[in-house]
Amino acid sequence: MNHAPTRRLGTSDLEVSPLNLGGNVFGWTADKATSFAILDAFRAGGGNFVDTADSYSAWAEGHTGGESEHVIGAWLAERGHDDMVIATKVSQHPDFRGLSASNIKAAAEASLKRLGLEAIDLYYAHFDDPETPLAESAEAFSALVDQGKVRYVGLSNHSPDRIRAWLELCDQNGWHRPVCVQPQYNLVERGIEQDLVPLAQAENLALLPYFGLARGFLTGKYRPGADNDTSPRSGKARAYLDDPRGPRVLAVLDGIAAERSAQLSTVALAWLVERPGVTSVLSSARNLDQLEGLLALNDLRLTAEETARLDEASA
């Protein structure tokens, strides 16, 4: 077994791999057998950090939510949980919408049951819920930590102002603070560098970016003139071609990937994982070929010159 160098997650005692494996595909575009194979290969490659949500994959026809957690739970039951860090989220499951205290409590119980765990390592508020007072949500998450059902709290898709307010409430009331934030961040989406990154650094919050490959754009499969993908994400990914930075970033990625005999996805994630404040980057694979490019992240470190080329192309 290959052990990737782990990184400390914010102020927590969790040690996580640089690659945070996304579980959105498990039980959806990756069936149970494929999901097990991906999880096995991820662990064998030194990965220990898996991310899911109670709502995955409620959007798919005939699905009700919880499919991903069921698959991960079945895998953990067969393979053991000791060395794994499991993150899941609340607010989007059709039966558990929003961040009211009663909903957070009920959703956590349902996730624990599906995952077959006594405690969730990292539990996120998936999306902000403006209808519920922030204090009610923050207190409910903290209570789960006190009860031993959750080890640490995270925030996903919250604005810097709301994150700041959540932290202030925790500090005023002695509640358990979030230890990380999960924003969209990649070579063609760098907006968080203005406000969220400085906040995360000042507050010791680990950054765990999602869409690190810009919905597949940074894998290089979308090119000017090529129209070979009709997946739901392709429209959003193609839009990056209309931004002058898009083709510019691809050109630099092509160059570095050729020089380093690496996949474009590996180079794009290697840039992201070394950004200030970033601890681990989220990416999912629906087959073993895709996982290979992600796992290579454990061994590829960009030079200062390569990083500067990508910084300039994506600025």
C-alpha atoms as a PDB file:
ATOM      1  CA  MET A   1       0.000   0.000   0.000  1.00  0.00           C
ATOM      2  CA  ASN A   2       1.278   3.407  -0.999  1.00  0.00           C
ATOM      3  CA  HIS A   3       0.962   6.079   1.697  1.00  0.00           C
ATOM      4  CA  ALA A   4       0.445   9.579   0.370  1.00  0.00           C
ATOM      5  CA  PRO A   5       1.820  12.342   2.562  1.00  0.00           C
ATOM      6  CA  THR A   6      -1.187  13.417   4.628  1.00  0.00           C
ATOM      7  CA  ARG A   7      -2.000  16.965   5.694  1.00  0.00           C
ATOM      8  CA  ARG A   8      -3.567  18.255   8.884  1.00  0.00           C
ATOM      9  CA  LEU A   9      -7.124  19.508   8.280  1.00  0.00           C
ATOM     10  CA  GLY A  10      -7.325  22.997   9.786  1.00  0.00           C
ATOM     11  CA  THR A  11      -7.407  22.980  13.593  1.00  0.00           C
ATOM     12  CA  SER A  12      -8.731  19.388  13.706  1.00  0.00           C
ATOM     13  CA  ASP A  13      -6.715  16.251  14.428  1.00  0.00           C
ATOM     14  CA  LEU A  14      -7.781  14.751  11.079  1.00  0.00           C
ATOM     15  CA  GLU A  15      -4.896  13.841   8.765  1.00  0.00           C
ATOM     16  CA  VAL A  16      -6.098  13.682   5.170  1.00  0.00           C
ATOM     17  CA  SER A  17      -4.710  12.809   1.750  1.00  0.00           C
ATOM     18  CA  PRO A  18      -4.175  15.637  -0.793  1.00  0.00           C
ATOM     19  CA  LEU A  19      -6.913  14.055  -2.928  1.00  0.00           C
ATOM     20  CA  ASN A  20     -10.424  14.109  -1.421  1.00  0.00           C
ATOM     21  CA  LEU A  21     -12.350  11.490  -3.407  1.00  0.00           C
ATOM     22  CA  GLY A  22     -15.805  12.728  -4.411  1.00  0.00           C
ATOM     23  CA  GLY A  23     -18.614  10.245  -3.800  1.00  0.00           C
ATOM     24  CA  ASN A  24     -21.275  11.872  -5.999  1.00  0.00           C
ATOM     25  CA  VAL A  25     -20.879   9.128  -8.659  1.00  0.00           C
ATOM     26  CA  PHE A  26     -21.222   6.140  -6.298  1.00  0.00           C
ATOM     27  CA  GLY A  27     -24.501   4.322  -6.863  1.00  0.00           C
ATOM     28  CA  TRP A  28     -25.192   6.636  -9.819  1.00  0.00           C
ATOM     29  CA  THR A  29     -22.810   6.635 -12.821  1.00  0.00           C
ATOM     30  CA  ALA A  30     -20.601   4.121 -10.987  1.00  0.00           C
ATOM     31  CA  ASP A  31     -22.492   0.973  -9.955  1.00  0.00           C
ATOM     32  CA  LYS A  32     -21.712  -0.839  -6.715  1.00  0.00           C
ATOM     33  CA  ALA A  33     -18.973  -3.069  -8.151  1.00  0.00           C
ATOM     34  CA  THR A  34     -17.261  -0.160  -9.917  1.00  0.00           C
ATOM     35  CA  SER A  35     -17.594   2.023  -6.819  1.00  0.00           C
ATOM     36  CA  PHE A  36     -15.957  -0.674  -4.686  1.00  0.00           C
ATOM     37  CA  ALA A  37     -13.118  -0.993  -7.230  1.00  0.00           C
ATOM     38  CA  ILE A  38     -12.576   2.785  -7.213  1.00  0.00           C
ATOM     39  CA  LEU A  39     -12.587   2.947  -3.398  1.00  0.00           C
ATOM     40  CA  ASP A  40     -10.190  -0.022  -3.176  1.00  0.00           C
ATOM     41  CA  ALA A  41      -7.768   1.557  -5.658  1.00  0.00           C
ATOM     42  CA  PHE A  42      -8.033   4.939  -3.925  1.00  0.00           C
ATOM     43  CA  ARG A  43      -7.115   3.393  -0.569  1.00  0.00           C
ATOM     44  CA  ALA A  44      -4.313   1.287  -2.149  1.00  0.00           C
ATOM     45  CA  GLY A  45      -2.944   4.472  -3.739  1.00  0.00           C
ATOM     46  CA  GLY A  46      -2.632   6.176  -0.355  1.00  0.00           C
ATOM     47  CA  GLY A  47      -5.980   7.982  -0.302  1.00  0.00           C
ATOM     48  CA  ASN A  48      -7.940   8.120   2.959  1.00  0.00           C
ATOM     49  CA  PHE A  49     -10.434  10.985   2.526  1.00  0.00           C
ATOM     50  CA  VAL A  50     -13.891  10.370   0.976  1.00  0.00           C
ATOM     51  CA  ASP A  51     -16.534  13.065   0.499  1.00  0.00           C
ATOM     52  CA  THR A  52     -20.244  12.476  -0.015  1.00  0.00           C
ATOM     53  CA  ALA A  53     -23.630  14.036   0.843  1.00  0.00           C
ATOM     54  CA  ASP A  54     -26.979  12.669   1.941  1.00  0.00           C
ATOM     55  CA  SER A  55     -28.576  14.054  -1.249  1.00  0.00           C
ATOM     56  CA  TYR A  56     -26.344  12.088  -3.685  1.00  0.00           C
ATOM     57  CA  SER A  57     -27.926  11.060  -6.091  1.00  0.00           C
ATOM     58  CA  ALA A  58     -31.490  12.326  -5.609  1.00  0.00           C
ATOM     59  CA  TRP A  59     -31.316  14.110  -8.985  1.00  0.00           C
ATOM     60  CA  ALA A  60     -31.164  10.816 -10.937  1.00  0.00           C
ATOM     61  CA  GLU A  61     -34.350   9.200 -12.164  1.00  0.00           C
ATOM     62  CA  GLY A  62     -35.675   6.618  -9.740  1.00  0.00           C
ATOM     63  CA  HIS A  63     -33.258   7.734  -6.995  1.00  0.00           C
ATOM     64  CA  THR A  64     -34.352   9.179  -3.666  1.00  0.00           C
ATOM     65  CA  GLY A  65     -31.048  10.376  -2.156  1.00  0.00           C
ATOM     66  CA  GLY A  66     -28.696   8.439   0.096  1.00  0.00           C
ATOM     67  CA  GLU A  67     -27.502   6.131  -2.712  1.00  0.00           C
ATOM     68  CA  SER A  68     -23.868   7.231  -2.377  1.00  0.00           C
ATOM     69  CA  GLU A  69     -23.865   6.873   1.421  1.00  0.00           C
ATOM     70  CA  HIS A  70     -25.355   3.360   1.084  1.00  0.00           C
ATOM     71  CA  VAL A  71     -22.551   2.277  -1.271  1.00  0.00           C
ATOM     72  CA  ILE A  72     -19.817   3.817   0.906  1.00  0.00           C
ATOM     73  CA  GLY A  73     -21.394   2.247   3.998  1.00  0.00           C
ATOM     74  CA  ALA A  74     -21.445  -1.189   2.349  1.00  0.00           C
ATOM     75  CA  TRP A  75     -17.792  -0.778   1.346  1.00  0.00           C
ATOM     76  CA  LEU A  76     -16.759   0.318   4.852  1.00  0.00           C
ATOM     77  CA  ALA A  77     -18.626  -2.644   6.347  1.00  0.00           C
ATOM     78  CA  GLU A  78     -16.650  -5.052   4.138  1.00  0.00           C
ATOM     79  CA  ARG A  79     -13.259  -3.329   4.196  1.00  0.00           C
ATOM     80  CA  GLY A  80     -13.077  -1.554   7.561  1.00  0.00           C
ATOM     81  CA  HIS A  81     -13.120   2.121   8.440  1.00  0.00           C
ATOM     82  CA  ASP A  82     -10.073   2.558  10.675  1.00  0.00           C
ATOM     83  CA  ASP A  83      -7.827   4.474   8.292  1.00  0.00           C
ATOM     84  CA  MET A  84     -10.550   6.381   6.425  1.00  0.00           C
ATOM     85  CA  VAL A  85     -11.882   9.918   6.957  1.00  0.00           C
ATOM     86  CA  ILE A  86     -15.522  10.173   5.829  1.00  0.00           C
ATOM     87  CA  ALA A  87     -17.235  13.494   5.145  1.00  0.00           C
ATOM     88  CA  THR A  88     -20.931  13.949   4.394  1.00  0.00           C
ATOM     89  CA  LYS A  89     -23.379  16.844   4.249  1.00  0.00           C
ATOM     90  CA  VAL A  90     -26.893  17.979   5.163  1.00  0.00           C
ATOM     91  CA  SER A  91     -29.501  20.356   3.632  1.00  0.00           C
ATOM     92  CA  GLN A  92     -30.329  18.989   0.170  1.00  0.00           C
ATOM     93  CA  HIS A  93     -31.828  15.515   0.748  1.00  0.00           C
ATOM     94  CA  PRO A  94     -35.495  15.568  -0.373  1.00  0.00           C
ATOM     95  CA  ASP A  95     -36.587  14.372   3.099  1.00  0.00           C
ATOM     96  CA  PHE A  96     -34.155  16.606   5.026  1.00  0.00           C
ATOM     97  CA  ARG A  97     -34.080  20.043   3.428  1.00  0.00           C
ATOM     98  CA  GLY A  98     -32.496  23.052   5.081  1.00  0.00           C
ATOM     99  CA  LEU A  99     -30.544  23.628   8.267  1.00  0.00           C
ATOM    100  CA  SER A 100     -33.120  23.760  11.056  1.00  0.00           C
ATOM    101  CA  ALA A 101     -31.966  22.130  14.301  1.00  0.00           C
ATOM    102  CA  SER A 102     -34.484  19.277  14.074  1.00  0.00           C
ATOM    103  CA  ASN A 103     -33.548  18.610  10.455  1.00  0.00           C
ATOM    104  CA  ILE A 104     -29.793  18.573  11.120  1.00  0.00           C
ATOM    105  CA  LYS A 105     -30.326  16.072  13.951  1.00  0.00           C
ATOM    106  CA  ALA A 106     -32.602  13.795  11.910  1.00  0.00           C
ATOM    107  CA  ALA A 107     -30.438  13.948   8.781  1.00  0.00           C
ATOM    108  CA  ALA A 108     -27.287  13.118  10.771  1.00  0.00           C
ATOM    109  CA  GLU A 109     -28.988  10.038  12.257  1.00  0.00           C
ATOM    110  CA  ALA A 110     -30.062   8.912   8.770  1.00  0.00           C
ATOM    111  CA  SER A 111     -26.528   9.423   7.380  1.00  0.00           C
ATOM    112  CA  LEU A 112     -24.942   7.529  10.287  1.00  0.00           C
ATOM    113  CA  LYS A 113     -27.284   4.619   9.632  1.00  0.00           C
ATOM    114  CA  ARG A 114     -26.579   4.510   5.875  1.00  0.00           C
ATOM    115  CA  LEU A 115     -22.828   4.819   6.407  1.00  0.00           C
ATOM    116  CA  GLY A 116     -22.831   2.311   9.257  1.00  0.00           C
ATOM    117  CA  LEU A 117     -20.747   4.629  11.424  1.00  0.00           C
ATOM    118  CA  GLU A 118     -20.858   5.643  15.067  1.00  0.00           C
ATOM    119  CA  ALA A 119     -19.504   9.098  14.222  1.00  0.00           C
ATOM    120  CA  ILE A 120     -19.198  11.149  11.030  1.00  0.00           C
ATOM    121  CA  ASP A 121     -15.615  12.452  10.782  1.00  0.00           C
ATOM    122  CA  LEU A 122     -16.593  15.674   9.030  1.00  0.00           C
ATOM    123  CA  TYR A 123     -20.183  16.947   8.726  1.00  0.00           C
ATOM    124  CA  TYR A 124     -20.959  19.853   6.418  1.00  0.00           C
ATOM    125  CA  ALA A 125     -23.734  22.372   6.091  1.00  0.00           C
ATOM    126  CA  HIS A 126     -24.073  21.675   2.348  1.00  0.00           C
ATOM    127  CA  PHE A 127     -25.774  24.935   1.313  1.00  0.00           C
ATOM    128  CA  ASP A 128     -26.656  28.052   3.254  1.00  0.00           C
ATOM    129  CA  ASP A 129     -30.244  28.173   4.539  1.00  0.00           C
ATOM    130  CA  PRO A 130     -31.326  31.822   4.811  1.00  0.00           C
ATOM    131  CA  GLU A 131     -34.718  30.752   6.251  1.00  0.00           C
ATOM    132  CA  THR A 132     -33.159  29.362   9.446  1.00  0.00           C
ATOM    133  CA  PRO A 133     -31.411  31.591  12.011  1.00  0.00           C
ATOM    134  CA  LEU A 134     -27.676  30.995  11.772  1.00  0.00           C
ATOM    135  CA  ALA A 135     -27.446  30.533  15.551  1.00  0.00           C
ATOM    136  CA  GLU A 136     -29.932  27.649  15.409  1.00  0.00           C
ATOM    137  CA  SER A 137     -27.857  25.832  12.764  1.00  0.00           C
ATOM    138  CA  ALA A 138     -24.493  26.510  14.417  1.00  0.00           C
ATOM    139  CA  GLU A 139     -25.753  25.299  17.798  1.00  0.00           C
ATOM    140  CA  ALA A 140     -27.272  22.134  16.281  1.00  0.00           C
ATOM    141  CA  PHE A 141     -23.993  21.186  14.584  1.00  0.00           C
ATOM    142  CA  SER A 142     -22.071  21.845  17.787  1.00  0.00           C
ATOM    143  CA  ALA A 143     -24.505  19.648  19.743  1.00  0.00           C
ATOM    144  CA  LEU A 144     -23.774  16.731  17.397  1.00  0.00           C
ATOM    145  CA  VAL A 145     -20.076  17.072  18.251  1.00  0.00           C
ATOM    146  CA  ASP A 146     -20.887  17.117  21.977  1.00  0.00           C
ATOM    147  CA  GLN A 147     -22.978  13.960  21.503  1.00  0.00           C
ATOM    148  CA  GLY A 148     -20.096  12.179  19.765  1.00  0.00           C
ATOM    149  CA  LYS A 149     -22.057  11.733  16.540  1.00  0.00           C
ATOM    150  CA  VAL A 150     -19.869  14.130  14.559  1.00  0.00           C
ATOM    151  CA  ARG A 151     -16.152  14.767  15.040  1.00  0.00           C
ATOM    152  CA  TYR A 152     -15.816  18.054  13.135  1.00  0.00           C
ATOM    153  CA  VAL A 153     -18.006  20.599  11.354  1.00  0.00           C
ATOM    154  CA  GLY A 154     -17.514  22.061   7.874  1.00  0.00           C
ATOM    155  CA  LEU A 155     -19.263  24.688   5.740  1.00  0.00           C
ATOM    156  CA  SER A 156     -19.892  24.305   2.010  1.00  0.00           C
ATOM    157  CA  ASN A 157     -21.239  26.961  -0.384  1.00  0.00           C
ATOM    158  CA  HIS A 158     -21.442  29.709   2.254  1.00  0.00           C
ATOM    159  CA  SER A 159     -20.424  33.296   1.524  1.00  0.00           C
ATOM    160  CA  PRO A 160     -17.513  34.839   3.454  1.00  0.00           C
ATOM    161  CA  ASP A 161     -19.964  37.051   5.391  1.00  0.00           C
ATOM    162  CA  ARG A 162     -22.058  34.079   6.498  1.00  0.00           C
ATOM    163  CA  ILE A 163     -18.945  32.070   7.409  1.00  0.00           C
ATOM    164  CA  ARG A 164     -17.673  34.996   9.490  1.00  0.00           C
ATOM    165  CA  ALA A 165     -21.042  35.313  11.260  1.00  0.00           C
ATOM    166  CA  TRP A 166     -21.129  31.547  11.969  1.00  0.00           C
ATOM    167  CA  LEU A 167     -17.621  31.692  13.492  1.00  0.00           C
ATOM    168  CA  GLU A 168     -18.551  34.698  15.658  1.00  0.00           C
ATOM    169  CA  LEU A 169     -21.604  32.869  17.015  1.00  0.00           C
ATOM    170  CA  CYS A 170     -19.439  29.862  17.893  1.00  0.00           C
ATOM    171  CA  ASP A 171     -16.886  32.048  19.654  1.00  0.00           C
ATOM    172  CA  GLN A 172     -19.552  33.961  21.606  1.00  0.00           C
ATOM    173  CA  ASN A 173     -21.376  30.822  22.718  1.00  0.00           C
ATOM    174  CA  GLY A 174     -18.535  28.346  23.161  1.00  0.00           C
ATOM    175  CA  TRP A 175     -19.817  26.147  20.305  1.00  0.00           C
ATOM    176  CA  HIS A 176     -17.584  23.949  18.165  1.00  0.00           C
ATOM    177  CA  ARG A 177     -16.273  25.969  15.236  1.00  0.00           C
ATOM    178  CA  PRO A 178     -16.178  24.730  11.658  1.00  0.00           C
ATOM    179  CA  VAL A 179     -12.685  23.541  10.707  1.00  0.00           C
ATOM    180  CA  CYS A 180     -12.968  23.866   6.920  1.00  0.00           C
ATOM    181  CA  VAL A 181     -14.835  25.398   3.997  1.00  0.00           C
ATOM    182  CA  GLN A 182     -15.638  23.827   0.653  1.00  0.00           C
ATOM    183  CA  PRO A 183     -15.816  26.354  -2.203  1.00  0.00           C
ATOM    184  CA  GLN A 184     -15.639  26.145  -5.981  1.00  0.00           C
ATOM    185  CA  TYR A 185     -12.031  26.897  -6.964  1.00  0.00           C
ATOM    186  CA  ASN A 186      -9.837  26.008  -9.936  1.00  0.00           C
ATOM    187  CA  LEU A 187      -7.572  27.486 -12.611  1.00  0.00           C
ATOM    188  CA  VAL A 188     -10.481  29.191 -14.398  1.00  0.00           C
ATOM    189  CA  GLU A 189     -12.489  30.104 -11.248  1.00  0.00           C
ATOM    190  CA  ARG A 190     -10.206  32.082  -8.932  1.00  0.00           C
ATOM    191  CA  GLY A 191     -12.713  34.559  -7.480  1.00  0.00           C
ATOM    192  CA  ILE A 192     -12.386  33.257  -3.915  1.00  0.00           C
ATOM    193  CA  GLU A 193      -8.798  34.512  -3.766  1.00  0.00           C
ATOM    194  CA  GLN A 194     -10.190  38.014  -3.150  1.00  0.00           C
ATOM    195  CA  ASP A 195     -12.242  37.337  -0.023  1.00  0.00           C
ATOM    196  CA  LEU A 196     -12.660  33.713   1.050  1.00  0.00           C
ATOM    197  CA  VAL A 197      -8.999  32.667   0.938  1.00  0.00           C
ATOM    198  CA  PRO A 198      -7.818  35.506   3.243  1.00  0.00           C
ATOM    199  CA  LEU A 199     -10.707  34.753   5.636  1.00  0.00           C
ATOM    200  CA  ALA A 200      -9.883  31.034   5.693  1.00  0.00           C
ATOM    201  CA  GLN A 201      -6.212  31.748   6.357  1.00  0.00           C
ATOM    202  CA  ALA A 202      -6.974  34.245   9.133  1.00  0.00           C
ATOM    203  CA  GLU A 203      -9.385  31.820  10.835  1.00  0.00           C
ATOM    204  CA  ASN A 204      -7.367  28.612  10.316  1.00  0.00           C
ATOM    205  CA  LEU A 205     -10.076  27.082   8.134  1.00  0.00           C
ATOM    206  CA  ALA A 206      -8.846  24.439   5.695  1.00  0.00           C
ATOM    207  CA  LEU A 207      -9.900  25.053   2.083  1.00  0.00           C
ATOM    208  CA  LEU A 208     -11.207  21.950   0.292  1.00  0.00           C
ATOM    209  CA  PRO A 209     -12.042  23.073  -3.248  1.00  0.00           C
ATOM    210  CA  TYR A 210     -14.604  21.270  -5.404  1.00  0.00           C
ATOM    211  CA  PHE A 211     -14.921  21.469  -9.218  1.00  0.00           C
ATOM    212  CA  GLY A 212     -11.104  21.459  -9.203  1.00  0.00           C
ATOM    213  CA  LEU A 213     -11.219  20.387 -12.854  1.00  0.00           C
ATOM    214  CA  ALA A 214     -13.862  22.993 -13.781  1.00  0.00           C
ATOM    215  CA  ARG A 215     -16.544  20.386 -14.586  1.00  0.00           C
ATOM    216  CA  GLY A 216     -14.084  18.478 -16.757  1.00  0.00           C
ATOM    217  CA  PHE A 217     -12.795  21.463 -18.740  1.00  0.00           C
ATOM    218  CA  LEU A 218      -9.293  21.169 -17.245  1.00  0.00           C
ATOM    219  CA  THR A 219      -8.988  17.534 -18.350  1.00  0.00           C
ATOM    220  CA  GLY A 220      -8.592  18.909 -21.878  1.00  0.00           C
ATOM    221  CA  LYS A 221     -11.565  17.050 -23.324  1.00  0.00           C
ATOM    222  CA  TYR A 222     -13.291  20.258 -24.448  1.00  0.00           C
ATOM    223  CA  ARG A 223     -11.452  21.938 -27.304  1.00  0.00           C
ATOM    224  CA  PRO A 224     -12.340  24.682 -29.795  1.00  0.00           C
ATOM    225  CA  GLY A 225     -14.290  23.111 -32.662  1.00  0.00           C
ATOM    226  CA  ALA A 226     -14.699  19.707 -30.990  1.00  0.00           C
ATOM    227  CA  ASP A 227     -18.237  18.811 -30.028  1.00  0.00           C
ATOM    228  CA  ASN A 228     -18.106  15.253 -28.792  1.00  0.00           C
ATOM    229  CA  ASP A 229     -19.737  15.450 -25.368  1.00  0.00           C
ATOM    230  CA  THR A 230     -23.414  15.819 -24.579  1.00  0.00           C
ATOM    231  CA  SER A 231     -23.241  15.257 -20.811  1.00  0.00           C
ATOM    232  CA  PRO A 232     -25.155  17.741 -18.603  1.00  0.00           C
ATOM    233  CA  ARG A 233     -21.935  19.420 -17.503  1.00  0.00           C
ATOM    234  CA  SER A 234     -20.581  19.911 -21.014  1.00  0.00           C
ATOM    235  CA  GLY A 235     -22.459  23.178 -21.633  1.00  0.00           C
ATOM    236  CA  LYS A 236     -20.990  24.792 -18.536  1.00  0.00           C
ATOM    237  CA  ALA A 237     -17.533  23.369 -19.247  1.00  0.00           C
ATOM    238  CA  ARG A 238     -17.650  24.563 -22.890  1.00  0.00           C
ATOM    239  CA  ALA A 239     -18.393  28.107 -21.725  1.00  0.00           C
ATOM    240  CA  TYR A 240     -14.775  28.328 -20.504  1.00  0.00           C
ATOM    241  CA  LEU A 241     -13.659  28.173 -24.148  1.00  0.00           C
ATOM    242  CA  ASP A 242     -15.360  31.547 -24.717  1.00  0.00           C
ATOM    243  CA  ASP A 243     -13.279  33.112 -21.945  1.00  0.00           C
ATOM    244  CA  PRO A 244      -9.817  34.093 -23.257  1.00  0.00           C
ATOM    245  CA  ARG A 245      -8.275  32.495 -20.159  1.00  0.00           C
ATOM    246  CA  GLY A 246      -9.755  29.083 -21.009  1.00  0.00           C
ATOM    247  CA  PRO A 247      -7.721  28.274 -24.140  1.00  0.00           C
ATOM    248  CA  ARG A 248      -4.694  30.028 -22.598  1.00  0.00           C
ATOM    249  CA  VAL A 249      -4.785  27.782 -19.511  1.00  0.00           C
ATOM    250  CA  LEU A 250      -5.253  24.658 -21.677  1.00  0.00           C
ATOM    251  CA  ALA A 251      -2.188  25.580 -23.744  1.00  0.00           C
ATOM    252  CA  VAL A 252       0.014  25.861 -20.631  1.00  0.00           C
ATOM    253  CA  LEU A 253      -1.463  22.650 -19.151  1.00  0.00           C
ATOM    254  CA  ASP A 254      -0.729  20.864 -22.459  1.00  0.00           C
ATOM    255  CA  GLY A 255       2.885  22.018 -22.306  1.00  0.00           C
ATOM    256  CA  ILE A 256       3.512  21.027 -18.680  1.00  0.00           C
ATOM    257  CA  ALA A 257       1.662  17.713 -19.073  1.00  0.00           C
ATOM    258  CA  ALA A 258       3.840  16.829 -22.082  1.00  0.00           C
ATOM    259  CA  GLU A 259       7.046  17.818 -20.270  1.00  0.00           C
ATOM    260  CA  ARG A 260       6.130  15.835 -17.151  1.00  0.00           C
ATOM    261  CA  SER A 261       4.450  12.873 -18.934  1.00  0.00           C
ATOM    262  CA  ALA A 262       1.366  13.580 -16.850  1.00  0.00           C
ATOM    263  CA  GLN A 263      -2.362  13.916 -17.520  1.00  0.00           C
ATOM    264  CA  LEU A 264      -3.806  17.441 -17.724  1.00  0.00           C
ATOM    265  CA  SER A 265      -6.089  16.665 -14.773  1.00  0.00           C
ATOM    266  CA  THR A 266      -3.089  15.772 -12.603  1.00  0.00           C
ATOM    267  CA  VAL A 267      -1.308  19.032 -13.452  1.00  0.00           C
ATOM    268  CA  ALA A 268      -4.444  21.144 -12.844  1.00  0.00           C
ATOM    269  CA  LEU A 269      -5.004  19.555  -9.421  1.00  0.00           C
ATOM    270  CA  ALA A 270      -1.289  19.796  -8.554  1.00  0.00           C
ATOM    271  CA  TRP A 271      -1.550  23.574  -9.083  1.00  0.00           C
ATOM    272  CA  LEU A 272      -4.681  23.743  -6.901  1.00  0.00           C
ATOM    273  CA  VAL A 273      -3.449  21.615  -4.006  1.00  0.00           C
ATOM    274  CA  GLU A 274      -0.479  23.946  -3.438  1.00  0.00           C
ATOM    275  CA  ARG A 275      -2.542  27.154  -3.366  1.00  0.00           C
ATOM    276  CA  PRO A 276      -2.410  29.101  -0.079  1.00  0.00           C
ATOM    277  CA  GLY A 277      -4.794  27.618   2.484  1.00  0.00           C
ATOM    278  CA  VAL A 278      -5.726  24.549   0.421  1.00  0.00           C
ATOM    279  CA  THR A 279      -5.467  21.238   2.292  1.00  0.00           C
ATOM    280  CA  SER A 280      -7.055  18.714  -0.059  1.00  0.00           C
ATOM    281  CA  VAL A 281      -8.838  18.889  -3.427  1.00  0.00           C
ATOM    282  CA  LEU A 282     -12.113  17.184  -4.281  1.00  0.00           C
ATOM    283  CA  SER A 283     -12.462  15.181  -7.426  1.00  0.00           C
ATOM    284  CA  SER A 284     -14.531  12.175  -8.421  1.00  0.00           C
ATOM    285  CA  ALA A 285     -13.858   9.307 -10.805  1.00  0.00           C
ATOM    286  CA  ARG A 286     -16.509   7.115 -12.352  1.00  0.00           C
ATOM    287  CA  ASN A 287     -13.959   4.509 -13.509  1.00  0.00           C
ATOM    288  CA  LEU A 288     -10.423   3.337 -12.710  1.00  0.00           C
ATOM    289  CA  ASP A 289      -8.893   5.177 -15.700  1.00  0.00           C
ATOM    290  CA  GLN A 290     -10.142   8.515 -14.383  1.00  0.00           C
ATOM    291  CA  LEU A 291      -8.925   7.664 -10.891  1.00  0.00           C
ATOM    292  CA  GLU A 292      -5.401   7.031 -12.185  1.00  0.00           C
ATOM    293  CA  GLY A 293      -4.988  10.664 -13.233  1.00  0.00           C
ATOM    294  CA  LEU A 294      -6.294  11.846  -9.863  1.00  0.00           C
ATOM    295  CA  LEU A 295      -4.091   9.529  -7.783  1.00  0.00           C
ATOM    296  CA  ALA A 296      -0.999  10.707  -9.663  1.00  0.00           C
ATOM    297  CA  LEU A 297      -1.487  13.918  -7.668  1.00  0.00           C
ATOM    298  CA  ASN A 298       0.266  12.187  -4.762  1.00  0.00           C
ATOM    299  CA  ASP A 299       3.541  12.129  -6.693  1.00  0.00           C
ATOM    300  CA  LEU A 300       3.458  15.258  -8.871  1.00  0.00           C
ATOM    301  CA  ARG A 301       4.725  18.540  -7.432  1.00  0.00           C
ATOM    302  CA  LEU A 302       4.988  21.502  -9.791  1.00  0.00           C
ATOM    303  CA  THR A 303       8.120  23.624  -9.916  1.00  0.00           C
ATOM    304  CA  ALA A 304       7.937  27.341  -9.082  1.00  0.00           C
ATOM    305  CA  GLU A 305       8.372  28.089 -12.782  1.00  0.00           C
ATOM    306  CA  GLU A 306       5.506  25.775 -13.816  1.00  0.00           C
ATOM    307  CA  THR A 307       3.255  27.280 -11.142  1.00  0.00           C
ATOM    308  CA  ALA A 308       4.115  30.800 -12.344  1.00  0.00           C
ATOM    309  CA  ARG A 309       3.209  29.869 -15.943  1.00  0.00           C
ATOM    310  CA  LEU A 310      -0.201  28.619 -14.791  1.00  0.00           C
ATOM    311  CA  ASP A 311      -0.722  31.648 -12.514  1.00  0.00           C
ATOM    312  CA  GLU A 312      -0.075  33.982 -15.426  1.00  0.00           C
ATOM    313  CA  ALA A 313      -2.275  32.090 -17.910  1.00  0.00           C
ATOM    314  CA  SER A 314      -5.200  31.967 -15.462  1.00  0.00           C
ATOM    315  CA  ALA A 315      -4.906  35.520 -14.075  1.00  0.00           C
END
